[in-house]
Amino acid sequence: MHNNSIIELNSIAYQNNIDFLKKTFGKKVILSAVIKGNAYGHDIAHFCTMAYAAGITHFSVFDVDEAKIAHAVLGDKATIMIMGFVGDTDMEWVVANHIEFFVFDKHRLTAACKAAKKLKSKANVHIELETGMNRTGFERKELKEVISFLREERDFVTFKGLCTHFAGAESIANYYRVDKQLKRFNELYDYMVSQGLQPEIKHSACSAASMMFPETRMDLVRIGIMQYGLWPSPEVLVHYLNSKKSKIDPLQRVITWKSKVMSLKKVAVGEFIGYGTSFLAERKMKIAVIPIGYSHGYSRALSNQGRVLIQGQRCLVVGSVNMNMVTVDVTDIEKIKKGDEAVLIGTQNDVSVSVASFSDLSNLLNYELLTRISKTIPRKII
């Protein structure tokens, strides 16, 4: 673990977000907390602890490694669902621990059944349908065989869910594509039911779809970015606010990333700062060095662009972001000293640096920026 910075997870902000989402979706809709990508940079283990305390009992991960971290924290107290990769060598662990998982090809279906028979147990599968994302999922022409298999092996395979994923519900530009996917999903669901196969639940919505297309909420919503206090896109936020009298963002950011001033230096007029010649001092400057760099997830794209909060002032990153350090302009802060708090993401004296502002400055999605934050930075729940 590094001790050059710390990430704080605000449990009160998280509870606020969950309360808002549950009120929006209604009591009958299951809220599955998506914690792939190290819980969007928040840390799976810490996040599971906080989310469970907030009343979340369903978690979605990408692969078995993430499922194992979540299971170590949650045990059998919550449902864990794998949406992506399950290697053949891991299938027995998945079945033995009652982990639910997406199935989108025949090989995985047969592997799941084989493991269940060996363990004298049942595999809990969610059949994923290809509706237009063109990534993973069974095609319409494959369903007859899938249906036959599920019927024949019902003693070893439980048809937990029928699901799909939408291709860009966060943008109105994709409206017709998403609408077509939804219609396709409903048609295929009706077809499977007509063949005598009824899943326990059906689900399709991510954060964006759940807000832009309420009809996609179905029995369960897979909520990622919004539970962390961020919107999938400005369009989704505007769409929501346009439907309300109050124009206040109901979400609260969960994450705060803090470090400290490591050292201070004066720079003369005409001197370059850091590697290369990307920043030239045009006045006498005072520079603070913060022990965070791109190896920790602070993108090089923020060179001469990023902002760091020190004593409630937004300080510009000057020069290139290094592997382990950034230099920021603190010329206008008179009494700055070594050890002063430096906020990379968060609020200080009512001034904020948001994840969205990072994204705007670096051309990264807020999803991408968060998942790049190093796992070795300690996290704590506040």
Foldseek 3Di string as FASTA:
>chain_A
DDPQKEKEFELVLLLLLVVVVCVLLDDQAAEEEECELCLLQQHLQQVLVSVVVSPHAHYEYAEDVSVVSSCVRQPPSHAYEHEHDDDLVCLLVCQVSQHEYEDFDPVVVVSNQVSQVVVVGAHEYEAEDCQQLPDTHYYPVCVVVVLVSCVVSVSHYAHAEYEYEADCLQDPVCVVVRVSSVVSSVVVQVVSVVVVDHHNFYAYAEQSCCQNPVVRSGRYHHYGPSSQQDHQDVSSLVSVCVVDPDSDRSHDHGMWMKGWFADKDWDAAQDADDPDRQAGHNHTFMKTKRFAFVLQLLDQLQEQNAWKAFQRDTWTFYGTGDNGITITTPRPPDDDDGGTMIIRAAGDPNDGDHLVSSCVSRVDRSSNSSSSGDPPHHYDYD
